[in-house]
Amino acid sequence: MATIADLENLIGAPRRPAPDNDWTAIEAELGLRLPSDYKRLMARYGSLNLDAFLGLYIANPGDRPGESMREAVLGILHDLGPHEDEELEVVDDQGKVLEVRYFQHYPSPGGLFPWGSTQNGDVCLWETKGDPNAWKACISDGTFMWRHSDGILDFLVKANQGSLSCPLLPNGGKLDRTYTFM
């Protein structure tokens, strides 16, 4: 399992301190406990953009004044799909179809929850079943979802090493090891 130090070795140290986050308040508003690796990542870097392509946001992905975190998340999921009557095909690193099924969205138990997005409009998310520290990093364009075998830090480290095969990332799944604060 990858660590913050592994990612920092690839993209460098933060150039400025990350904002403080009240995770107790954030998780209370969302009604959801978030993965520890995500909270450590956001505590070290804050919201950031990798390869000018994949953006990770802290808790509130919305940019409209007065919008709650929950409202912003629901808006992203509404725009993404799939909707109640649509199945989503899930594939792995090798392009193998793992399953085809209906997915619920947050706030439904086990529903999809976003943690980032790409410049192509794809959404990075988790399927929130079970222990948050076991949630797998996923990316979806609304018609299919690519699922990584591990969490967000492992996904980011492998994407920056070029050892993923994700069809929704540029260059065959390799990010260029650059980041900027959002």
C-alpha atoms as a PDB file:
ATOM      1  CA  MET A   1       0.000   0.000   0.000  1.00  0.00           C
ATOM      2  CA  ALA A   2       1.371   3.413  -0.986  1.00  0.00           C
ATOM      3  CA  THR A   3       2.047   6.236   1.463  1.00  0.00           C
ATOM      4  CA  ILE A   4       2.135  10.038   1.367  1.00  0.00           C
ATOM      5  CA  ALA A   5       5.957   9.765   1.298  1.00  0.00           C
ATOM      6  CA  ASP A   6       5.739   7.607  -1.839  1.00  0.00           C
ATOM      7  CA  LEU A   7       3.644  10.243  -3.580  1.00  0.00           C
ATOM      8  CA  GLU A   8       5.862  13.064  -2.344  1.00  0.00           C
ATOM      9  CA  ASN A   9       8.920  11.271  -3.778  1.00  0.00           C
ATOM     10  CA  LEU A  10       7.225  11.392  -7.184  1.00  0.00           C
ATOM     11  CA  ILE A  11       5.640  14.861  -7.280  1.00  0.00           C
ATOM     12  CA  GLY A  12       7.637  16.747  -4.651  1.00  0.00           C
ATOM     13  CA  ALA A  13       6.729  18.358  -1.368  1.00  0.00           C
ATOM     14  CA  PRO A  14       3.856  20.813  -1.050  1.00  0.00           C
ATOM     15  CA  ARG A  15       4.854  24.361  -1.926  1.00  0.00           C
ATOM     16  CA  ARG A  16       2.633  25.848   0.773  1.00  0.00           C
ATOM     17  CA  PRO A  17       0.781  24.534   3.804  1.00  0.00           C
ATOM     18  CA  ALA A  18      -2.542  22.845   3.187  1.00  0.00           C
ATOM     19  CA  PRO A  19      -5.602  24.451   4.763  1.00  0.00           C
ATOM     20  CA  ASP A  20      -6.787  23.007   8.058  1.00  0.00           C
ATOM     21  CA  ASN A  21      -9.845  20.812   7.794  1.00  0.00           C
ATOM     22  CA  ASP A  22     -12.274  19.978  10.551  1.00  0.00           C
ATOM     23  CA  TRP A  23     -12.817  16.365   9.546  1.00  0.00           C
ATOM     24  CA  THR A  24     -15.290  15.811  12.377  1.00  0.00           C
ATOM     25  CA  ALA A  25     -17.506  18.622  11.030  1.00  0.00           C
ATOM     26  CA  ILE A  26     -17.017  17.590   7.389  1.00  0.00           C
ATOM     27  CA  GLU A  27     -17.909  13.980   8.068  1.00  0.00           C
ATOM     28  CA  ALA A  28     -20.873  15.018  10.239  1.00  0.00           C
ATOM     29  CA  GLU A  29     -22.268  17.189   7.437  1.00  0.00           C
ATOM     30  CA  LEU A  30     -21.815  14.418   4.896  1.00  0.00           C
ATOM     31  CA  GLY A  31     -23.033  11.688   7.245  1.00  0.00           C
ATOM     32  CA  LEU A  32     -20.101   9.633   5.988  1.00  0.00           C
ATOM     33  CA  ARG A  33     -16.678   8.689   7.320  1.00  0.00           C
ATOM     34  CA  LEU A  34     -13.939   9.314   4.730  1.00  0.00           C
ATOM     35  CA  PRO A  35     -10.840   7.153   4.110  1.00  0.00           C
ATOM     36  CA  SER A  36      -7.790   7.899   6.272  1.00  0.00           C
ATOM     37  CA  ASP A  37      -5.425   8.044   3.276  1.00  0.00           C
ATOM     38  CA  TYR A  38      -7.607  10.733   1.685  1.00  0.00           C
ATOM     39  CA  LYS A  39      -7.600  12.805   4.880  1.00  0.00           C
ATOM     40  CA  ARG A  40      -3.803  12.457   5.180  1.00  0.00           C
ATOM     41  CA  LEU A  41      -3.395  13.469   1.526  1.00  0.00           C
ATOM     42  CA  MET A  42      -5.592  16.539   1.942  1.00  0.00           C
ATOM     43  CA  ALA A  43      -3.834  17.453   5.211  1.00  0.00           C
ATOM     44  CA  ARG A  44      -0.475  17.360   3.413  1.00  0.00           C
ATOM     45  CA  TYR A  45      -1.341  18.875   0.023  1.00  0.00           C
ATOM     46  CA  GLY A  46      -4.866  20.274   0.136  1.00  0.00           C
ATOM     47  CA  SER A  47      -6.859  20.381  -3.084  1.00  0.00           C
ATOM     48  CA  LEU A  48      -4.538  19.845  -6.018  1.00  0.00           C
ATOM     49  CA  ASN A  49      -4.389  19.236  -9.733  1.00  0.00           C
ATOM     50  CA  LEU A  50      -2.142  16.514 -11.144  1.00  0.00           C
ATOM     51  CA  ASP A  51      -0.754  16.744 -14.682  1.00  0.00           C
ATOM     52  CA  ALA A  52      -3.169  19.639 -15.316  1.00  0.00           C
ATOM     53  CA  PHE A  53      -5.695  16.853 -15.807  1.00  0.00           C
ATOM     54  CA  LEU A  54      -6.861  15.188 -12.591  1.00  0.00           C
ATOM     55  CA  GLY A  55      -8.109  17.415  -9.796  1.00  0.00           C
ATOM     56  CA  LEU A  56      -8.571  16.288  -6.213  1.00  0.00           C
ATOM     57  CA  TYR A  57     -10.776  18.423  -4.069  1.00  0.00           C
ATOM     58  CA  ILE A  58     -11.142  18.800  -0.400  1.00  0.00           C
ATOM     59  CA  ALA A  59     -14.580  17.940   0.881  1.00  0.00           C
ATOM     60  CA  ASN A  60     -16.454  20.726  -0.946  1.00  0.00           C
ATOM     61  CA  PRO A  61     -16.024  20.243  -4.683  1.00  0.00           C
ATOM     62  CA  GLY A  62     -18.474  23.037  -5.490  1.00  0.00           C
ATOM     63  CA  ASP A  63     -17.457  26.572  -6.244  1.00  0.00           C
ATOM     64  CA  ARG A  64     -20.815  28.261  -5.811  1.00  0.00           C
ATOM     65  CA  PRO A  65     -21.021  30.531  -2.749  1.00  0.00           C
ATOM     66  CA  GLY A  66     -23.411  29.267  -0.112  1.00  0.00           C
ATOM     67  CA  GLU A  67     -23.493  25.729  -1.493  1.00  0.00           C
ATOM     68  CA  SER A  68     -23.004  23.054   1.151  1.00  0.00           C
ATOM     69  CA  MET A  69     -20.610  20.157   0.659  1.00  0.00           C
ATOM     70  CA  ARG A  70     -23.559  17.801   0.466  1.00  0.00           C
ATOM     71  CA  GLU A  71     -25.305  19.903  -2.211  1.00  0.00           C
ATOM     72  CA  ALA A  72     -22.117  20.084  -4.273  1.00  0.00           C
ATOM     73  CA  VAL A  73     -21.606  16.310  -4.108  1.00  0.00           C
ATOM     74  CA  LEU A  74     -25.231  15.621  -5.070  1.00  0.00           C
ATOM     75  CA  GLY A  75     -24.918  18.001  -8.034  1.00  0.00           C
ATOM     76  CA  ILE A  76     -21.807  16.234  -9.326  1.00  0.00           C
ATOM     77  CA  LEU A  77     -23.444  12.831  -9.034  1.00  0.00           C
ATOM     78  CA  HIS A  78     -26.638  14.007 -10.724  1.00  0.00           C
ATOM     79  CA  ASP A  79     -24.643  15.241 -13.699  1.00  0.00           C
ATOM     80  CA  LEU A  80     -22.552  12.057 -13.850  1.00  0.00           C
ATOM     81  CA  GLY A  81     -25.110   9.288 -13.993  1.00  0.00           C
ATOM     82  CA  PRO A  82     -25.819   6.485 -14.303  1.00  0.00           C
ATOM     83  CA  HIS A  83     -29.352   7.069 -13.223  1.00  0.00           C
ATOM     84  CA  GLU A  84     -31.712   4.601 -11.553  1.00  0.00           C
ATOM     85  CA  ASP A  85     -32.588   2.691 -14.710  1.00  0.00           C
ATOM     86  CA  GLU A  86     -29.067   2.480 -16.216  1.00  0.00           C
ATOM     87  CA  GLU A  87     -26.457  -0.183 -15.622  1.00  0.00           C
ATOM     88  CA  LEU A  88     -22.769   0.655 -15.344  1.00  0.00           C
ATOM     89  CA  GLU A  89     -20.012  -1.627 -16.645  1.00  0.00           C
ATOM     90  CA  VAL A  90     -17.010  -1.890 -14.290  1.00  0.00           C
ATOM     91  CA  VAL A  91     -13.566  -2.718 -15.717  1.00  0.00           C
ATOM     92  CA  ASP A  92     -10.136  -3.289 -14.132  1.00  0.00           C
ATOM     93  CA  ASP A  93      -6.542  -2.396 -15.093  1.00  0.00           C
ATOM     94  CA  GLN A  94      -6.512  -5.046 -17.816  1.00  0.00           C
ATOM     95  CA  GLY A  95      -9.827  -3.930 -19.329  1.00  0.00           C
ATOM     96  CA  LYS A  96     -11.546  -7.021 -17.970  1.00  0.00           C
ATOM     97  CA  VAL A  97     -15.234  -6.516 -17.193  1.00  0.00           C
ATOM     98  CA  LEU A  98     -15.637  -7.158 -13.484  1.00  0.00           C
ATOM     99  CA  GLU A  99     -19.392  -6.625 -13.310  1.00  0.00           C
ATOM    100  CA  VAL A 100     -22.336  -4.876 -14.865  1.00  0.00           C
ATOM    101  CA  ARG A 101     -24.893  -3.579 -12.413  1.00  0.00           C
ATOM    102  CA  TYR A 102     -26.917  -0.677 -11.119  1.00  0.00           C
ATOM    103  CA  PHE A 103     -25.141   1.700  -8.759  1.00  0.00           C
ATOM    104  CA  GLN A 104     -26.667   3.887  -6.109  1.00  0.00           C
ATOM    105  CA  HIS A 105     -25.308   7.360  -5.501  1.00  0.00           C
ATOM    106  CA  TYR A 106     -24.487   9.007  -2.190  1.00  0.00           C
ATOM    107  CA  PRO A 107     -26.305   9.416   0.213  1.00  0.00           C
ATOM    108  CA  SER A 108     -27.663   5.892  -0.340  1.00  0.00           C
ATOM    109  CA  PRO A 109     -25.775   3.308   1.729  1.00  0.00           C
ATOM    110  CA  GLY A 110     -22.838   2.061  -0.352  1.00  0.00           C
ATOM    111  CA  GLY A 111     -23.454   4.791  -2.922  1.00  0.00           C
ATOM    112  CA  LEU A 112     -20.847   6.379  -5.196  1.00  0.00           C
ATOM    113  CA  PHE A 113     -19.096   9.421  -3.676  1.00  0.00           C
ATOM    114  CA  PRO A 114     -16.782  11.803  -5.608  1.00  0.00           C
ATOM    115  CA  TRP A 115     -13.269  12.809  -4.561  1.00  0.00           C
ATOM    116  CA  GLY A 116     -12.015  14.371  -7.788  1.00  0.00           C
ATOM    117  CA  SER A 117     -12.538  14.940 -11.494  1.00  0.00           C
ATOM    118  CA  THR A 118     -10.665  15.040 -14.790  1.00  0.00           C
ATOM    119  CA  GLN A 119     -10.446  17.667 -17.501  1.00  0.00           C
ATOM    120  CA  ASN A 120     -12.510  15.312 -19.683  1.00  0.00           C
ATOM    121  CA  GLY A 121     -15.445  15.544 -17.268  1.00  0.00           C
ATOM    122  CA  ASP A 122     -14.901  12.111 -15.734  1.00  0.00           C
ATOM    123  CA  VAL A 123     -15.508  11.792 -12.007  1.00  0.00           C
ATOM    124  CA  CYS A 124     -13.126  10.121  -9.556  1.00  0.00           C
ATOM    125  CA  LEU A 125     -15.041   8.374  -6.808  1.00  0.00           C
ATOM    126  CA  TRP A 126     -15.427   5.635  -4.281  1.00  0.00           C
ATOM    127  CA  GLU A 127     -18.147   3.052  -3.847  1.00  0.00           C
ATOM    128  CA  THR A 128     -18.839   3.613  -0.148  1.00  0.00           C
ATOM    129  CA  LYS A 129     -19.455   0.010   0.952  1.00  0.00           C
ATOM    130  CA  GLY A 130     -17.892  -1.225   4.174  1.00  0.00           C
ATOM    131  CA  ASP A 131     -14.827   0.194   5.896  1.00  0.00           C
ATOM    132  CA  PRO A 132     -13.814   3.536   4.296  1.00  0.00           C
ATOM    133  CA  ASN A 133     -10.164   2.486   4.460  1.00  0.00           C
ATOM    134  CA  ALA A 134     -10.981  -0.384   2.092  1.00  0.00           C
ATOM    135  CA  TRP A 135     -12.772   1.746  -0.535  1.00  0.00           C
ATOM    136  CA  LYS A 136     -11.300   1.402  -4.026  1.00  0.00           C
ATOM    137  CA  ALA A 137     -10.420   4.409  -6.185  1.00  0.00           C
ATOM    138  CA  CYS A 138     -12.620   4.532  -9.300  1.00  0.00           C
ATOM    139  CA  ILE A 139     -13.108   6.804 -12.319  1.00  0.00           C
ATOM    140  CA  SER A 140     -16.327   6.979 -14.320  1.00  0.00           C
ATOM    141  CA  ASP A 141     -17.525   8.811 -17.396  1.00  0.00           C
ATOM    142  CA  GLY A 142     -21.128   7.883 -16.569  1.00  0.00           C
ATOM    143  CA  THR A 143     -21.278   4.942 -19.002  1.00  0.00           C
ATOM    144  CA  PHE A 144     -18.587   2.749 -17.510  1.00  0.00           C
ATOM    145  CA  MET A 145     -16.362   2.785 -14.461  1.00  0.00           C
ATOM    146  CA  TRP A 146     -12.712   1.803 -14.149  1.00  0.00           C
ATOM    147  CA  ARG A 147     -11.901   0.429 -10.689  1.00  0.00           C
ATOM    148  CA  HIS A 148      -8.443   0.357  -9.159  1.00  0.00           C
ATOM    149  CA  SER A 149      -7.488  -2.520  -6.893  1.00  0.00           C
ATOM    150  CA  ASP A 150      -6.636  -0.227  -3.954  1.00  0.00           C
ATOM    151  CA  GLY A 151      -7.255   3.209  -2.445  1.00  0.00           C
ATOM    152  CA  ILE A 152      -6.583   6.767  -3.554  1.00  0.00           C
ATOM    153  CA  LEU A 153      -2.893   7.004  -2.549  1.00  0.00           C
ATOM    154  CA  ASP A 154      -1.991   3.755  -4.284  1.00  0.00           C
ATOM    155  CA  PHE A 155      -3.880   4.935  -7.382  1.00  0.00           C
ATOM    156  CA  LEU A 156      -2.076   8.315  -7.433  1.00  0.00           C
ATOM    157  CA  VAL A 157       1.363   6.780  -6.880  1.00  0.00           C
ATOM    158  CA  LYS A 158       0.864   4.201  -9.638  1.00  0.00           C
ATOM    159  CA  ALA A 159      -0.566   6.821 -12.015  1.00  0.00           C
ATOM    160  CA  ASN A 160       2.517   8.979 -11.453  1.00  0.00           C
ATOM    161  CA  GLN A 161       4.797   5.970 -11.950  1.00  0.00           C
ATOM    162  CA  GLY A 162       2.986   5.002 -15.144  1.00  0.00           C
ATOM    163  CA  SER A 163       2.135   1.549 -13.831  1.00  0.00           C
ATOM    164  CA  LEU A 164      -1.650   1.776 -14.348  1.00  0.00           C
ATOM    165  CA  SER A 165      -3.687   0.986 -17.393  1.00  0.00           C
ATOM    166  CA  CYS A 166      -6.672   3.293 -16.997  1.00  0.00           C
ATOM    167  CA  PRO A 167      -8.458   4.197 -20.235  1.00  0.00           C
ATOM    168  CA  LEU A 168      -9.817   7.398 -18.703  1.00  0.00           C
ATOM    169  CA  LEU A 169      -6.348   8.852 -18.008  1.00  0.00           C
ATOM    170  CA  PRO A 170      -4.060  10.364 -20.673  1.00  0.00           C
ATOM    171  CA  ASN A 171      -0.922   8.629 -21.956  1.00  0.00           C
ATOM    172  CA  GLY A 172      -2.205   5.152 -21.203  1.00  0.00           C
ATOM    173  CA  GLY A 173      -2.685   5.965 -17.516  1.00  0.00           C
ATOM    174  CA  LYS A 174       0.513   7.878 -16.810  1.00  0.00           C
ATOM    175  CA  LEU A 175       0.382  11.311 -15.193  1.00  0.00           C
ATOM    176  CA  ASP A 176       3.417  13.579 -15.602  1.00  0.00           C
ATOM    177  CA  ARG A 177       4.346  14.020 -11.914  1.00  0.00           C
ATOM    178  CA  THR A 178       3.424  17.680 -11.735  1.00  0.00           C
ATOM    179  CA  TYR A 179       0.907  19.254  -9.441  1.00  0.00           C
ATOM    180  CA  THR A 180      -0.553  22.641  -8.666  1.00  0.00           C
ATOM    181  CA  PHE A 181      -2.841  23.811  -5.892  1.00  0.00           C
ATOM    182  CA  MET A 182      -6.410  24.393  -6.980  1.00  0.00           C
END
